[in-house]
Amino acid sequence: QVQLVESGGGLVQAGGSLRLSCTLSGRTLSNYDMGWFRQAPGKERERVAALSRSGTSTYYADSVKGRFTISRDNAKNTAYLQMSSLKPEDTAVYYCAVKDVWSPDYRYWGQGTQVTVSS
């Protein structure tokens, strides 16, 4: 059974930091591109960061550039999203997902972890 499990969400004050983790079971993370997404109430889900299978290509949404860092530890089958200088507008449910390198669509998704940034 393939499963992605996020952790590390919580409540933080504006300007603070959090590190989200995403652990894949049932598959090998190094075989996939991976991404982090978020969805705030009443808004569409948006991709905030992505990292290629090789680790050489990254993507960041303009809203998080310079504040968020995506990384992966293939030995632990785990990916991370380091979030710094958090703002209230970063409040959302954060999801990780993985996709095959040849596909535009993310194949496996986690259940999400809530991040709340207070002003």
Protein backbone atom coordinates (compact mmCIF):
# COMPACT_ATOMS: atom_id res chain seq x y z
CA GLN A 1 0.00 0.00 0.00
CA VAL A 2 1.38 3.37 -1.02
CA GLN A 3 1.10 6.07 1.60
CA LEU A 4 2.37 9.60 2.05
CA VAL A 5 2.24 10.99 5.57
CA GLU A 6 2.88 14.63 6.38
CA SER A 7 3.83 15.93 9.79
CA GLY A 8 5.18 19.08 11.38
CA GLY A 9 2.25 21.41 10.99
CA GLY A 10 0.93 23.54 13.82
CA LEU A 11 0.34 27.02 15.13
CA VAL A 12 3.13 29.57 14.86
CA GLN A 13 3.39 33.33 15.20
CA ALA A 14 4.11 35.50 12.22
CA GLY A 15 7.82 35.58 11.53
CA GLY A 16 8.32 32.10 12.90
CA SER A 17 9.41 28.88 11.24
CA LEU A 18 8.15 25.35 10.75
CA ARG A 19 9.52 22.31 9.00
CA LEU A 20 7.09 19.95 7.37
CA SER A 21 8.03 16.35 6.71
CA CYS A 22 6.56 13.92 4.21
CA THR A 23 7.38 10.23 4.42
CA LEU A 24 6.58 7.82 1.60
CA SER A 25 5.89 4.16 2.28
CA GLY A 26 5.29 1.40 -0.22
CA ARG A 27 7.41 3.08 -2.89
CA THR A 28 10.90 4.53 -3.24
CA LEU A 29 10.93 8.31 -3.07
CA SER A 30 14.02 8.57 -5.27
CA ASN A 31 11.94 7.33 -8.21
CA TYR A 32 9.66 10.36 -8.17
CA ASP A 33 9.47 14.09 -8.59
CA MET A 34 7.81 15.56 -5.56
CA GLY A 35 5.92 18.68 -4.62
CA TRP A 36 4.30 20.58 -1.78
CA PHE A 37 0.89 22.15 -2.20
CA ARG A 38 -1.39 24.17 0.02
CA GLN A 39 -5.05 25.03 0.16
CA ALA A 40 -6.50 27.82 2.24
CA PRO A 41 -10.23 28.04 3.05
CA GLY A 42 -12.18 29.28 0.06
CA LYS A 43 -9.15 29.18 -2.22
CA GLU A 44 -7.91 26.81 -4.86
CA ARG A 45 -5.05 24.46 -4.13
CA GLU A 46 -1.72 25.88 -5.24
CA ARG A 47 1.67 24.34 -5.73
CA VAL A 48 4.19 26.09 -3.51
CA ALA A 49 7.36 24.09 -4.18
CA ALA A 50 8.61 21.20 -6.26
CA LEU A 51 11.78 19.19 -6.52
CA SER A 52 12.83 16.95 -9.35
CA ARG A 53 13.74 13.33 -8.91
CA SER A 54 17.38 14.16 -9.55
CA GLY A 55 17.28 16.99 -7.06
CA THR A 56 18.71 19.40 -9.60
CA SER A 57 15.54 21.28 -10.47
CA THR A 58 13.36 23.22 -8.07
CA TYR A 59 10.26 25.34 -8.33
CA TYR A 60 8.90 27.88 -5.87
CA ALA A 61 5.76 29.94 -6.08
CA ASP A 62 6.49 33.65 -6.09
CA SER A 63 4.67 34.00 -2.78
CA VAL A 64 7.17 31.76 -0.97
CA LYS A 65 10.45 32.40 -2.79
CA GLY A 66 13.26 33.19 -0.41
CA ARG A 67 11.25 31.94 2.58
CA PHE A 68 10.55 28.24 1.85
CA THR A 69 13.06 25.51 1.00
CA ILE A 70 12.18 22.09 -0.36
CA SER A 71 14.53 19.16 0.15
CA ARG A 72 14.58 15.40 0.23
CA ASP A 73 16.46 12.64 2.02
CA ASN A 74 16.14 9.59 -0.18
CA ALA A 75 17.80 7.38 2.41
CA LYS A 76 14.91 8.18 4.75
CA ASN A 77 12.29 8.18 1.98
CA THR A 78 11.32 11.58 3.31
CA ALA A 79 10.91 15.05 1.88
CA TYR A 80 10.84 18.33 3.74
CA LEU A 81 9.52 21.84 3.43
CA GLN A 82 11.38 24.33 5.59
CA MET A 83 9.23 27.41 6.06
CA SER A 84 10.65 30.61 7.50
CA SER A 85 9.44 34.18 7.97
CA LEU A 86 5.91 32.85 8.02
CA LYS A 87 3.03 35.18 7.33
CA PRO A 88 -0.67 34.90 8.20
CA GLU A 89 -1.39 34.39 4.50
CA ASP A 90 0.63 31.16 4.65
CA THR A 91 -2.16 29.66 6.75
CA ALA A 92 -3.47 26.59 4.91
CA VAL A 93 -3.55 22.82 4.81
CA TYR A 94 -0.27 21.67 3.29
CA TYR A 95 -0.06 18.53 1.18
CA CYS A 96 2.87 16.64 -0.27
CA ALA A 97 2.59 14.62 -3.44
CA VAL A 98 4.79 12.62 -5.80
CA LYS A 99 4.64 12.03 -9.53
CA ASP A 100 6.36 9.96 -12.15
CA VAL A 101 8.95 12.01 -14.00
CA TRP A 102 7.19 11.53 -17.34
CA SER A 103 3.77 12.59 -16.08
CA PRO A 104 2.41 16.08 -15.47
CA ASP A 105 0.02 14.73 -12.85
CA TYR A 106 0.83 14.00 -9.23
CA ARG A 107 0.07 10.38 -8.52
CA TYR A 108 0.12 9.94 -4.76
CA TRP A 109 -1.01 12.48 -2.18
CA GLY A 110 -0.73 12.82 1.56
CA GLN A 111 -3.63 13.59 3.85
CA GLY A 112 -2.45 17.10 4.65
CA THR A 113 -1.21 18.94 7.70
CA GLN A 114 -2.60 22.21 9.01
CA VAL A 115 -0.35 25.24 9.28
CA THR A 116 -1.78 28.27 11.07
CA VAL A 117 0.16 31.52 11.32
CA SER A 118 -1.13 34.04 13.82
CA SER A 119 -0.56 37.77 13.44
